[in-house]
């Protein structure tokens, strides 16, 4: 009997020790799990903070034109006849003068500034010398849509730089088409890329593109203010800036064009002849029946201040030149 009691006591002690060990392990595990959860929470919070900070930083980089109490309404200025117009300080985004600047307009070939920008952001200086063959699809696209053309021929081997200049100076639709295919694979994907850039620039509420050329479409629209945003972004890109500021450009020699093709910017050459104060450092014009003559340009004043001017719905090509001169001469410092 005594022996049985001793055995029972020993078993009880062993049971207590085992339970104690198991309990300590569970507590330790719980502590470790809690510690890990706290660590995970901290990491999640840190990640969220970083993502939020990056988003805020990205938003703060967006160029947003805004009016203030000094913004001039030029609706009554007889020197400016375009129906849509805006003059924006390119350094701080202040709208200096405006006329229906936030109303919907059709950008016509000013669209090609966005085409150039989207393409250029996928390229580098080394790729500018790459040879690209002009496809029949590119020339057909230009012909079927009754667009202006740079003059490239089917099968012609031209450089990427030739194509980029062909988009802007002669406003070549076949050049825009070929660049779209080259950089995005399909026309549809390139248009998607254009609208992604629109979102990135913060203007998706009032701007949308349906093609890379500026062919009239109800879904290819913008505003004068938004076009100023697009040109500002393009002029921040060195490839775009070089193309947009060119007065003349001669393409590389090919079998089809042994002397190359010489392009000229009519707008820049015209404004150079008529206006000698400061310098217009980049521009693109456009025309479709629904938007008449339009233009976007950047100007550097004699005091080294930068401005962007956008005009739309002028009756004549020369009127866009005179409207931009009126803005730069009368409202810039």
C-alpha atoms as a PDB file:
ATOM      1  CA  UNK A   1       0.000   0.000   0.000  1.00  0.00           C
ATOM      2  CA  UNK A   2       2.809   2.347   0.946  1.00  0.00           C
ATOM      3  CA  UNK A   3       4.592   1.452  -2.289  1.00  0.00           C
ATOM      4  CA  UNK A   4       1.473   2.265  -4.285  1.00  0.00           C
ATOM      5  CA  UNK A   5       1.194   5.719  -2.691  1.00  0.00           C
ATOM      6  CA  UNK A   6       4.820   6.469  -3.513  1.00  0.00           C
ATOM      7  CA  UNK A   7       4.285   5.523  -7.169  1.00  0.00           C
ATOM      8  CA  UNK A   8       1.150   7.684  -7.326  1.00  0.00           C
ATOM      9  CA  UNK A   9       3.052  10.649  -5.903  1.00  0.00           C
ATOM     10  CA  UNK A  10       5.849  10.216  -8.423  1.00  0.00           C
ATOM     11  CA  UNK A  11       3.334  10.095 -11.299  1.00  0.00           C
ATOM     12  CA  UNK A  12       1.639  13.234 -10.005  1.00  0.00           C
ATOM     13  CA  UNK A  13       4.955  15.089  -9.832  1.00  0.00           C
ATOM     14  CA  UNK A  14       5.899  13.990 -13.349  1.00  0.00           C
ATOM     15  CA  UNK A  15       2.498  15.129 -14.629  1.00  0.00           C
ATOM     16  CA  UNK A  16       2.906  18.537 -12.991  1.00  0.00           C
ATOM     17  CA  UNK A  17       6.382  18.963 -14.498  1.00  0.00           C
ATOM     18  CA  UNK A  18       5.199  17.971 -18.010  1.00  0.00           C
ATOM     19  CA  UNK A  19       2.240  20.354 -17.821  1.00  0.00           C
ATOM     20  CA  UNK A  20       4.517  23.145 -16.670  1.00  0.00           C
ATOM     21  CA  UNK A  21       6.939  22.572 -19.544  1.00  0.00           C
ATOM     22  CA  UNK A  22       4.138  22.485 -22.103  1.00  0.00           C
ATOM     23  CA  UNK A  23       2.602  25.632 -20.657  1.00  0.00           C
ATOM     24  CA  UNK A  24       5.918  27.496 -20.852  1.00  0.00           C
ATOM     25  CA  UNK A  25       6.391  26.412 -24.466  1.00  0.00           C
ATOM     26  CA  UNK A  26       2.896  27.645 -25.373  1.00  0.00           C
ATOM     27  CA  UNK A  27       3.526  30.964 -23.668  1.00  0.00           C
ATOM     28  CA  UNK A  28       6.851  31.313 -25.460  1.00  0.00           C
ATOM     29  CA  UNK A  29       5.204  30.455 -28.789  1.00  0.00           C
ATOM     30  CA  UNK A  30       2.448  32.974 -28.161  1.00  0.00           C
ATOM     31  CA  UNK A  31       5.029  35.624 -27.337  1.00  0.00           C
ATOM     32  CA  UNK A  32       6.954  34.863 -30.519  1.00  0.00           C
ATOM     33  CA  UNK A  33       3.769  34.913 -32.610  1.00  0.00           C
ATOM     34  CA  UNK A  34       2.710  38.181 -31.031  1.00  0.00           C
ATOM     35  CA  UNK A  35       6.138  39.616 -31.638  1.00  0.00           C
ATOM     36  CA  UNK A  36       6.010  38.481 -35.282  1.00  0.00           C
ATOM     37  CA  UNK A  37       2.538  39.965 -35.720  1.00  0.00           C
ATOM     38  CA  UNK A  38       3.708  43.269 -34.265  1.00  0.00           C
ATOM     39  CA  UNK A  39       6.726  43.163 -36.579  1.00  0.00           C
ATOM     40  CA  UNK A  40       4.492  42.397 -39.566  1.00  0.00           C
ATOM     41  CA  UNK A  41       2.182  45.263 -38.607  1.00  0.00           C
ATOM     42  CA  UNK A  42       5.139  47.620 -38.384  1.00  0.00           C
ATOM     43  CA  UNK A  43       6.418  46.468 -41.790  1.00  0.00           C
ATOM     44  CA  UNK A  44       2.970  46.901 -43.352  1.00  0.00           C
ATOM     45  CA  UNK A  45       2.695  50.368 -41.839  1.00  0.00           C
ATOM     46  CA  UNK A  46       6.160  51.245 -43.110  1.00  0.00           C
ATOM     47  CA  UNK A  47       5.296  49.958 -46.616  1.00  0.00           C
ATOM     48  CA  UNK A  48       2.032  51.874 -46.643  1.00  0.00           C
ATOM     49  CA  UNK A  49       3.806  55.017 -45.460  1.00  0.00           C
ATOM     50  CA  UNK A  50       6.452  54.644 -48.174  1.00  0.00           C
ATOM     51  CA  UNK A  51       3.835  54.024 -50.898  1.00  0.00           C
ATOM     52  CA  UNK A  52       1.772  57.003 -49.739  1.00  0.00           C
ATOM     53  CA  UNK A  53       4.872  59.177 -49.628  1.00  0.00           C
ATOM     54  CA  UNK A  54       5.882  58.099 -53.144  1.00  0.00           C
ATOM     55  CA  UNK A  55       2.366  58.797 -54.426  1.00  0.00           C
ATOM     56  CA  UNK A  56       2.333  62.230 -52.817  1.00  0.00           C
ATOM     57  CA  UNK A  57       5.773  62.975 -54.235  1.00  0.00           C
ATOM     58  CA  UNK A  58       4.629  61.878 -57.704  1.00  0.00           C
ATOM     59  CA  UNK A  59       1.515  64.059 -57.456  1.00  0.00           C
ATOM     60  CA  UNK A  60       3.596  67.024 -56.337  1.00  0.00           C
ATOM     61  CA  UNK A  61       5.641  66.722 -59.533  1.00  0.00           C
ATOM     62  CA  UNK A  62       2.574  67.184 -61.746  1.00  0.00           C
ATOM     63  CA  UNK A  63       2.456  70.487 -63.620  1.00  0.00           C
ATOM     64  CA  UNK A  64      -0.958  72.018 -62.883  1.00  0.00           C
ATOM     65  CA  UNK A  65      -1.868  75.341 -64.535  1.00  0.00           C
ATOM     66  CA  UNK A  66      -3.950  77.481 -62.198  1.00  0.00           C
ATOM     67  CA  UNK A  67      -5.446  80.974 -62.381  1.00  0.00           C
ATOM     68  CA  UNK A  68      -4.975  83.622 -59.704  1.00  0.00           C
ATOM     69  CA  UNK A  69      -6.236  87.158 -59.125  1.00  0.00           C
ATOM     70  CA  UNK A  70      -3.760  88.456 -61.722  1.00  0.00           C
ATOM     71  CA  UNK A  71      -4.941  86.180 -64.544  1.00  0.00           C
ATOM     72  CA  UNK A  72      -6.201  88.255 -67.458  1.00  0.00           C
ATOM     73  CA  UNK A  73      -9.334  87.301 -69.430  1.00  0.00           C
ATOM     74  CA  UNK A  74      -8.436  88.101 -73.041  1.00  0.00           C
ATOM     75  CA  UNK A  75     -11.925  87.549 -74.459  1.00  0.00           C
ATOM     76  CA  UNK A  76     -12.145  91.261 -75.266  1.00  0.00           C
ATOM     77  CA  UNK A  77      -8.604  91.521 -76.670  1.00  0.00           C
ATOM     78  CA  UNK A  78      -9.069  92.101 -80.392  1.00  0.00           C
ATOM     79  CA  UNK A  79      -5.474  91.083 -81.053  1.00  0.00           C
ATOM     80  CA  UNK A  80      -6.303  87.487 -80.107  1.00  0.00           C
ATOM     81  CA  UNK A  81      -8.951  85.952 -82.352  1.00  0.00           C
ATOM     82  CA  UNK A  82      -8.628  82.238 -81.515  1.00  0.00           C
ATOM     83  CA  UNK A  83     -11.687  80.946 -79.688  1.00  0.00           C
ATOM     84  CA  UNK A  84      -9.636  78.919 -77.208  1.00  0.00           C
ATOM     85  CA  UNK A  85      -6.442  80.309 -75.733  1.00  0.00           C
ATOM     86  CA  UNK A  86      -4.202  80.179 -72.695  1.00  0.00           C
ATOM     87  CA  UNK A  87      -0.825  81.575 -71.661  1.00  0.00           C
ATOM     88  CA  UNK A  88       0.827  79.696 -68.798  1.00  0.00           C
ATOM     89  CA  UNK A  89       3.977  80.522 -66.863  1.00  0.00           C
ATOM     90  CA  UNK A  90       6.016  77.373 -67.517  1.00  0.00           C
ATOM     91  CA  UNK A  91       8.060  77.825 -64.357  1.00  0.00           C
ATOM     92  CA  UNK A  92       5.267  77.870 -61.763  1.00  0.00           C
ATOM     93  CA  UNK A  93       2.081  76.949 -63.649  1.00  0.00           C
ATOM     94  CA  UNK A  94       0.354  80.287 -63.125  1.00  0.00           C
ATOM     95  CA  UNK A  95      -2.136  81.109 -65.868  1.00  0.00           C
ATOM     96  CA  UNK A  96      -1.162  84.569 -67.068  1.00  0.00           C
ATOM     97  CA  UNK A  97      -3.991  85.037 -69.560  1.00  0.00           C
ATOM     98  CA  UNK A  98      -6.834  82.896 -70.847  1.00  0.00           C
ATOM     99  CA  UNK A  99      -9.895  82.576 -73.036  1.00  0.00           C
ATOM    100  CA  UNK A 100     -12.129  79.499 -72.722  1.00  0.00           C
ATOM    101  CA  UNK A 101      -8.993  77.717 -71.522  1.00  0.00           C
ATOM    102  CA  UNK A 102     -10.777  74.809 -69.848  1.00  0.00           C
ATOM    103  CA  UNK A 103     -13.439  74.196 -72.469  1.00  0.00           C
ATOM    104  CA  UNK A 104     -13.387  71.026 -74.558  1.00  0.00           C
ATOM    105  CA  UNK A 105     -11.565  71.377 -77.865  1.00  0.00           C
ATOM    106  CA  UNK A 106     -10.267  69.024 -80.553  1.00  0.00           C
ATOM    107  CA  UNK A 107      -6.457  69.183 -80.633  1.00  0.00           C
ATOM    108  CA  UNK A 108      -5.977  68.014 -84.245  1.00  0.00           C
ATOM    109  CA  UNK A 109      -2.256  67.462 -84.904  1.00  0.00           C
ATOM    110  CA  UNK A 110      -1.271  68.984 -81.566  1.00  0.00           C
ATOM    111  CA  UNK A 111      -2.064  65.372 -80.567  1.00  0.00           C
ATOM    112  CA  UNK A 112       1.322  64.464 -82.033  1.00  0.00           C
ATOM    113  CA  UNK A 113       3.094  66.172 -79.117  1.00  0.00           C
ATOM    114  CA  UNK A 114       1.722  63.380 -76.931  1.00  0.00           C
ATOM    115  CA  UNK A 115       2.629  60.823 -79.608  1.00  0.00           C
ATOM    116  CA  UNK A 116       6.195  62.091 -79.591  1.00  0.00           C
ATOM    117  CA  UNK A 117       6.365  62.094 -75.790  1.00  0.00           C
ATOM    118  CA  UNK A 118       5.029  58.540 -75.361  1.00  0.00           C
ATOM    119  CA  UNK A 119       7.428  57.230 -77.997  1.00  0.00           C
ATOM    120  CA  UNK A 120      10.445  59.177 -76.721  1.00  0.00           C
ATOM    121  CA  UNK A 121      10.019  57.828 -73.195  1.00  0.00           C
ATOM    122  CA  UNK A 122      10.564  54.329 -74.601  1.00  0.00           C
ATOM    123  CA  UNK A 123      13.696  55.353 -76.490  1.00  0.00           C
ATOM    124  CA  UNK A 124      17.210  56.594 -75.757  1.00  0.00           C
ATOM    125  CA  UNK A 125      19.854  58.466 -77.726  1.00  0.00           C
ATOM    126  CA  UNK A 126      21.449  55.219 -78.905  1.00  0.00           C
ATOM    127  CA  UNK A 127      18.194  54.020 -80.462  1.00  0.00           C
ATOM    128  CA  UNK A 128      17.756  57.180 -82.559  1.00  0.00           C
ATOM    129  CA  UNK A 129      20.069  55.804 -85.265  1.00  0.00           C
ATOM    130  CA  UNK A 130      18.217  52.498 -85.544  1.00  0.00           C
ATOM    131  CA  UNK A 131      16.822  51.795 -89.017  1.00  0.00           C
ATOM    132  CA  UNK A 132      13.093  51.160 -89.426  1.00  0.00           C
ATOM    133  CA  UNK A 133      11.385  50.043 -92.625  1.00  0.00           C
ATOM    134  CA  UNK A 134       8.295  51.972 -93.675  1.00  0.00           C
ATOM    135  CA  UNK A 135       5.358  49.583 -94.003  1.00  0.00           C
ATOM    136  CA  UNK A 136       2.487  49.726 -96.473  1.00  0.00           C
ATOM    137  CA  UNK A 137       0.146  49.841 -93.469  1.00  0.00           C
ATOM    138  CA  UNK A 138       1.726  53.129 -92.404  1.00  0.00           C
ATOM    139  CA  UNK A 139       1.363  54.809 -95.798  1.00  0.00           C
ATOM    140  CA  UNK A 140      -2.136  53.372 -96.277  1.00  0.00           C
ATOM    141  CA  UNK A 141      -3.179  54.721 -92.872  1.00  0.00           C
ATOM    142  CA  UNK A 142      -2.096  58.202 -93.908  1.00  0.00           C
ATOM    143  CA  UNK A 143      -3.737  57.985 -97.333  1.00  0.00           C
ATOM    144  CA  UNK A 144      -7.023  56.425 -96.188  1.00  0.00           C
ATOM    145  CA  UNK A 145      -7.503  59.047 -93.486  1.00  0.00           C
ATOM    146  CA  UNK A 146      -6.566  61.941 -95.792  1.00  0.00           C
ATOM    147  CA  UNK A 147      -3.722  63.019 -93.506  1.00  0.00           C
ATOM    148  CA  UNK A 148      -0.619  65.087 -94.120  1.00  0.00           C
ATOM    149  CA  UNK A 149       2.453  62.958 -94.785  1.00  0.00           C
ATOM    150  CA  UNK A 150       6.179  63.283 -94.253  1.00  0.00           C
ATOM    151  CA  UNK A 151       6.866  61.687 -97.648  1.00  0.00           C
ATOM    152  CA  UNK A 152       8.397  58.356 -96.610  1.00  0.00           C
ATOM    153  CA  UNK A 153       7.855  55.505 -99.083  1.00  0.00           C
ATOM    154  CA  UNK A 154       6.977  51.842 -98.591  1.00  0.00           C
ATOM    155  CA  UNK A 155      10.106  49.785 -97.979  1.00  0.00           C
ATOM    156  CA  UNK A 156      12.262  52.843 -97.244  1.00  0.00           C
ATOM    157  CA  UNK A 157      14.779  52.323 -94.431  1.00  0.00           C
ATOM    158  CA  UNK A 158      14.811  55.428 -92.251  1.00  0.00           C
ATOM    159  CA  UNK A 159      16.187  56.141 -88.791  1.00  0.00           C
ATOM    160  CA  UNK A 160      14.101  56.504 -85.653  1.00  0.00           C
ATOM    161  CA  UNK A 161      15.265  60.117 -85.488  1.00  0.00           C
ATOM    162  CA  UNK A 162      13.964  60.659 -89.026  1.00  0.00           C
ATOM    163  CA  UNK A 163      10.582  59.302 -87.965  1.00  0.00           C
ATOM    164  CA  UNK A 164      10.344  61.478 -84.852  1.00  0.00           C
ATOM    165  CA  UNK A 165      11.096  64.612 -86.853  1.00  0.00           C
ATOM    166  CA  UNK A 166       8.672  63.404 -89.508  1.00  0.00           C
ATOM    167  CA  UNK A 167       5.923  63.323 -86.889  1.00  0.00           C
ATOM    168  CA  UNK A 168       6.384  66.960 -85.844  1.00  0.00           C
ATOM    169  CA  UNK A 169       7.781  69.178 -88.600  1.00  0.00           C
ATOM    170  CA  UNK A 170       5.700  68.008 -91.607  1.00  0.00           C
ATOM    171  CA  UNK A 171       3.084  66.431 -89.283  1.00  0.00           C
ATOM    172  CA  UNK A 172       3.474  63.074 -91.024  1.00  0.00           C
ATOM    173  CA  UNK A 173       0.753  60.559 -90.241  1.00  0.00           C
ATOM    174  CA  UNK A 174       2.744  57.654 -91.686  1.00  0.00           C
ATOM    175  CA  UNK A 175       5.630  58.568 -89.380  1.00  0.00           C
ATOM    176  CA  UNK A 176       3.312  58.665 -86.355  1.00  0.00           C
ATOM    177  CA  UNK A 177       1.791  55.292 -87.301  1.00  0.00           C
ATOM    178  CA  UNK A 178       5.205  53.663 -87.816  1.00  0.00           C
ATOM    179  CA  UNK A 179       6.522  54.970 -84.483  1.00  0.00           C
ATOM    180  CA  UNK A 180       3.402  53.732 -82.701  1.00  0.00           C
ATOM    181  CA  UNK A 181       3.886  50.206 -84.071  1.00  0.00           C
ATOM    182  CA  UNK A 182       7.628  50.320 -83.382  1.00  0.00           C
ATOM    183  CA  UNK A 183       7.270  51.282 -79.720  1.00  0.00           C
ATOM    184  CA  UNK A 184       4.021  49.573 -78.663  1.00  0.00           C
ATOM    185  CA  UNK A 185       3.467  46.733 -81.130  1.00  0.00           C
ATOM    186  CA  UNK A 186      -0.034  47.751 -82.191  1.00  0.00           C
ATOM    187  CA  UNK A 187      -1.883  50.996 -82.774  1.00  0.00           C
ATOM    188  CA  UNK A 188      -4.408  50.090 -80.092  1.00  0.00           C
ATOM    189  CA  UNK A 189      -1.709  49.489 -77.490  1.00  0.00           C
ATOM    190  CA  UNK A 190      -0.026  52.777 -78.341  1.00  0.00           C
ATOM    191  CA  UNK A 191      -3.289  54.667 -77.855  1.00  0.00           C
ATOM    192  CA  UNK A 192      -3.653  52.911 -74.491  1.00  0.00           C
ATOM    193  CA  UNK A 193      -0.146  54.090 -73.642  1.00  0.00           C
ATOM    194  CA  UNK A 194      -1.103  57.641 -74.603  1.00  0.00           C
ATOM    195  CA  UNK A 195      -4.062  57.580 -72.238  1.00  0.00           C
ATOM    196  CA  UNK A 196      -1.945  56.093 -69.452  1.00  0.00           C
ATOM    197  CA  UNK A 197       0.326  59.101 -69.862  1.00  0.00           C
ATOM    198  CA  UNK A 198      -2.746  61.341 -69.724  1.00  0.00           C
ATOM    199  CA  UNK A 199      -3.579  59.810 -66.329  1.00  0.00           C
ATOM    200  CA  UNK A 200       0.004  60.228 -65.153  1.00  0.00           C
ATOM    201  CA  UNK A 201      -0.128  63.918 -66.036  1.00  0.00           C
ATOM    202  CA  UNK A 202      -3.355  64.334 -64.047  1.00  0.00           C
ATOM    203  CA  UNK A 203      -5.547  65.469 -66.953  1.00  0.00           C
ATOM    204  CA  UNK A 204      -7.663  62.361 -67.615  1.00  0.00           C
ATOM    205  CA  UNK A 205     -10.891  64.128 -66.626  1.00  0.00           C
ATOM    206  CA  UNK A 206     -10.640  66.502 -69.570  1.00  0.00           C
ATOM    207  CA  UNK A 207      -8.320  64.855 -72.120  1.00  0.00           C
ATOM    208  CA  UNK A 208      -8.546  61.581 -74.035  1.00  0.00           C
ATOM    209  CA  UNK A 209      -6.903  60.285 -77.202  1.00  0.00           C
ATOM    210  CA  UNK A 210      -8.265  57.806 -79.736  1.00  0.00           C
ATOM    211  CA  UNK A 211      -5.425  57.920 -82.278  1.00  0.00           C
ATOM    212  CA  UNK A 212      -1.791  59.121 -82.443  1.00  0.00           C
ATOM    213  CA  UNK A 213      -2.326  61.523 -85.347  1.00  0.00           C
ATOM    214  CA  UNK A 214      -5.113  63.892 -84.360  1.00  0.00           C
ATOM    215  CA  UNK A 215      -7.675  62.599 -86.843  1.00  0.00           C
ATOM    216  CA  UNK A 216     -11.030  63.988 -85.768  1.00  0.00           C
ATOM    217  CA  UNK A 217     -12.898  61.750 -83.360  1.00  0.00           C
ATOM    218  CA  UNK A 218     -15.343  62.676 -80.613  1.00  0.00           C
ATOM    219  CA  UNK A 219     -13.084  60.737 -78.237  1.00  0.00           C
ATOM    220  CA  UNK A 220      -9.935  62.592 -79.256  1.00  0.00           C
ATOM    221  CA  UNK A 221     -10.298  65.764 -77.214  1.00  0.00           C
ATOM    222  CA  UNK A 222      -8.486  68.052 -74.799  1.00  0.00           C
ATOM    223  CA  UNK A 223      -8.435  71.646 -73.507  1.00  0.00           C
ATOM    224  CA  UNK A 224      -6.037  74.530 -74.006  1.00  0.00           C
ATOM    225  CA  UNK A 225      -4.807  74.121 -70.414  1.00  0.00           C
ATOM    226  CA  UNK A 226      -4.259  70.383 -70.839  1.00  0.00           C
ATOM    227  CA  UNK A 227      -2.295  70.868 -74.041  1.00  0.00           C
ATOM    228  CA  UNK A 228      -0.028  73.230 -72.084  1.00  0.00           C
ATOM    229  CA  UNK A 229       0.541  70.415 -69.574  1.00  0.00           C
ATOM    230  CA  UNK A 230       1.433  67.998 -72.372  1.00  0.00           C
ATOM    231  CA  UNK A 231       3.898  70.388 -74.022  1.00  0.00           C
ATOM    232  CA  UNK A 232       5.482  71.126 -70.637  1.00  0.00           C
ATOM    233  CA  UNK A 233       6.083  67.397 -70.107  1.00  0.00           C
ATOM    234  CA  UNK A 234       7.448  66.989 -73.637  1.00  0.00           C
ATOM    235  CA  UNK A 235       9.893  69.872 -73.250  1.00  0.00           C
ATOM    236  CA  UNK A 236      11.250  68.187 -70.109  1.00  0.00           C
ATOM    237  CA  UNK A 237      12.325  65.256 -72.303  1.00  0.00           C
ATOM    238  CA  UNK A 238      15.573  65.940 -74.184  1.00  0.00           C
ATOM    239  CA  UNK A 239      14.602  63.909 -77.266  1.00  0.00           C
ATOM    240  CA  UNK A 240      11.253  65.680 -77.545  1.00  0.00           C
ATOM    241  CA  UNK A 241      12.776  69.092 -76.915  1.00  0.00           C
ATOM    242  CA  UNK A 242      15.264  68.657 -79.744  1.00  0.00           C
ATOM    243  CA  UNK A 243      12.539  67.658 -82.200  1.00  0.00           C
ATOM    244  CA  UNK A 244      10.007  70.300 -81.137  1.00  0.00           C
ATOM    245  CA  UNK A 245      12.586  73.103 -81.336  1.00  0.00           C
ATOM    246  CA  UNK A 246      13.923  72.192 -84.810  1.00  0.00           C
ATOM    247  CA  UNK A 247      13.351  74.779 -87.506  1.00  0.00           C
ATOM    248  CA  UNK A 248      14.585  72.476 -90.273  1.00  0.00           C
ATOM    249  CA  UNK A 249      15.659  68.851 -90.492  1.00  0.00           C
ATOM    250  CA  UNK A 250      17.001  66.691 -93.314  1.00  0.00           C
ATOM    251  CA  UNK A 251      16.497  62.939 -93.099  1.00  0.00           C
ATOM    252  CA  UNK A 252      19.244  60.405 -93.722  1.00  0.00           C
ATOM    253  CA  UNK A 253      19.975  59.399 -97.303  1.00  0.00           C
ATOM    254  CA  UNK A 254      18.111  56.355 -98.597  1.00  0.00           C
ATOM    255  CA  UNK A 255      17.754  54.540-101.908  1.00  0.00           C
ATOM    256  CA  UNK A 256      14.373  56.207-102.399  1.00  0.00           C
ATOM    257  CA  UNK A 257      15.609  59.653-101.319  1.00  0.00           C
ATOM    258  CA  UNK A 258      19.380  59.890-102.026  1.00  0.00           C
ATOM    259  CA  UNK A 259      19.478  63.505-100.802  1.00  0.00           C
ATOM    260  CA  UNK A 260      17.160  62.848 -97.885  1.00  0.00           C
ATOM    261  CA  UNK A 261      13.939  64.785 -97.277  1.00  0.00           C
ATOM    262  CA  UNK A 262      14.117  68.285 -95.819  1.00  0.00           C
ATOM    263  CA  UNK A 263      11.386  69.186 -93.336  1.00  0.00           C
ATOM    264  CA  UNK A 264      10.632  72.708 -92.097  1.00  0.00           C
ATOM    265  CA  UNK A 265       8.551  74.039 -89.213  1.00  0.00           C
ATOM    266  CA  UNK A 266       6.408  76.687 -90.875  1.00  0.00           C
ATOM    267  CA  UNK A 267       5.182  78.011 -87.527  1.00  0.00           C
ATOM    268  CA  UNK A 268       8.639  78.468 -85.996  1.00  0.00           C
ATOM    269  CA  UNK A 269      10.122  79.974 -89.148  1.00  0.00           C
ATOM    270  CA  UNK A 270       7.181  82.345 -89.508  1.00  0.00           C
ATOM    271  CA  UNK A 271       7.252  83.503 -85.901  1.00  0.00           C
ATOM    272  CA  UNK A 272      11.032  83.991 -86.102  1.00  0.00           C
ATOM    273  CA  UNK A 273      10.517  86.397 -88.984  1.00  0.00           C
ATOM    274  CA  UNK A 274       7.749  88.346 -87.275  1.00  0.00           C
ATOM    275  CA  UNK A 275       8.870  88.435 -83.638  1.00  0.00           C
ATOM    276  CA  UNK A 276      12.377  89.206 -82.452  1.00  0.00           C
ATOM    277  CA  UNK A 277      11.981  89.591 -78.684  1.00  0.00           C
ATOM    278  CA  UNK A 278      13.057  86.438 -76.860  1.00  0.00           C
ATOM    279  CA  UNK A 279      12.694  83.111 -78.665  1.00  0.00           C
ATOM    280  CA  UNK A 280      10.035  80.473 -79.276  1.00  0.00           C
ATOM    281  CA  UNK A 281      11.826  77.262 -78.331  1.00  0.00           C
ATOM    282  CA  UNK A 282       9.306  74.627 -79.385  1.00  0.00           C
ATOM    283  CA  UNK A 283       5.978  74.306 -81.182  1.00  0.00           C
ATOM    284  CA  UNK A 284       3.413  72.121 -82.923  1.00  0.00           C
ATOM    285  CA  UNK A 285       0.465  73.199 -85.043  1.00  0.00           C
ATOM    286  CA  UNK A 286      -2.698  71.394 -86.051  1.00  0.00           C
ATOM    287  CA  UNK A 287      -5.748  71.574 -88.272  1.00  0.00           C
ATOM    288  CA  UNK A 288      -9.024  69.717 -88.691  1.00  0.00           C
ATOM    289  CA  UNK A 289     -12.346  71.261 -89.697  1.00  0.00           C
ATOM    290  CA  UNK A 290     -13.729  70.845 -86.191  1.00  0.00           C
ATOM    291  CA  UNK A 291     -10.868  72.732 -84.516  1.00  0.00           C
ATOM    292  CA  UNK A 292      -9.713  74.939 -87.389  1.00  0.00           C
ATOM    293  CA  UNK A 293      -6.119  76.162 -86.981  1.00  0.00           C
ATOM    294  CA  UNK A 294      -4.478  75.564 -83.607  1.00  0.00           C
ATOM    295  CA  UNK A 295      -0.993  75.667 -82.119  1.00  0.00           C
ATOM    296  CA  UNK A 296       0.966  75.073 -78.938  1.00  0.00           C
ATOM    297  CA  UNK A 297       4.353  76.690 -78.328  1.00  0.00           C
ATOM    298  CA  UNK A 298       6.893  77.471 -75.617  1.00  0.00           C
ATOM    299  CA  UNK A 299       8.571  80.862 -75.372  1.00  0.00           C
ATOM    300  CA  UNK A 300      11.616  82.144 -73.493  1.00  0.00           C
ATOM    301  CA  UNK A 301      11.480  85.883 -72.867  1.00  0.00           C
ATOM    302  CA  UNK A 302      14.471  88.223 -72.864  1.00  0.00           C
ATOM    303  CA  UNK A 303      14.284  88.054 -69.046  1.00  0.00           C
ATOM    304  CA  UNK A 304      14.671  84.240 -69.309  1.00  0.00           C
ATOM    305  CA  UNK A 305      11.092  83.554 -68.191  1.00  0.00           C
ATOM    306  CA  UNK A 306       9.354  80.602 -69.868  1.00  0.00           C
ATOM    307  CA  UNK A 307       5.746  80.565 -71.042  1.00  0.00           C
ATOM    308  CA  UNK A 308       3.508  78.106 -72.874  1.00  0.00           C
ATOM    309  CA  UNK A 309       0.826  79.353 -75.249  1.00  0.00           C
ATOM    310  CA  UNK A 310      -2.022  77.282 -76.691  1.00  0.00           C
ATOM    311  CA  UNK A 311      -4.589  78.539 -79.184  1.00  0.00           C
ATOM    312  CA  UNK A 312      -7.428  76.856 -81.058  1.00  0.00           C
ATOM    313  CA  UNK A 313     -10.162  77.664 -83.561  1.00  0.00           C
ATOM    314  CA  UNK A 314      -8.395  80.343 -85.587  1.00  0.00           C
ATOM    315  CA  UNK A 315      -9.626  81.040 -89.109  1.00  0.00           C
ATOM    316  CA  UNK A 316      -6.219  81.066 -90.810  1.00  0.00           C
ATOM    317  CA  UNK A 317      -2.820  79.443 -90.301  1.00  0.00           C
ATOM    318  CA  UNK A 318      -1.082  82.810 -90.026  1.00  0.00           C
ATOM    319  CA  UNK A 319      -3.571  83.872 -87.350  1.00  0.00           C
ATOM    320  CA  UNK A 320      -2.145  81.289 -84.955  1.00  0.00           C
ATOM    321  CA  UNK A 321       1.239  82.951 -85.409  1.00  0.00           C
ATOM    322  CA  UNK A 322      -0.169  86.420 -84.740  1.00  0.00           C
ATOM    323  CA  UNK A 323      -2.126  85.214 -81.701  1.00  0.00           C
ATOM    324  CA  UNK A 324       0.977  83.673 -80.135  1.00  0.00           C
ATOM    325  CA  UNK A 325       2.960  86.832 -80.848  1.00  0.00           C
ATOM    326  CA  UNK A 326       0.215  88.935 -79.208  1.00  0.00           C
ATOM    327  CA  UNK A 327       0.362  86.783 -76.094  1.00  0.00           C
ATOM    328  CA  UNK A 328       4.159  86.833 -75.886  1.00  0.00           C
ATOM    329  CA  UNK A 329       4.472  90.506 -76.646  1.00  0.00           C
ATOM    330  CA  UNK A 330       1.691  91.836 -74.428  1.00  0.00           C
ATOM    331  CA  UNK A 331       1.444  89.444 -71.486  1.00  0.00           C
ATOM    332  CA  UNK A 332       4.938  88.118 -70.835  1.00  0.00           C
ATOM    333  CA  UNK A 333       7.687  89.558 -68.680  1.00  0.00           C
END
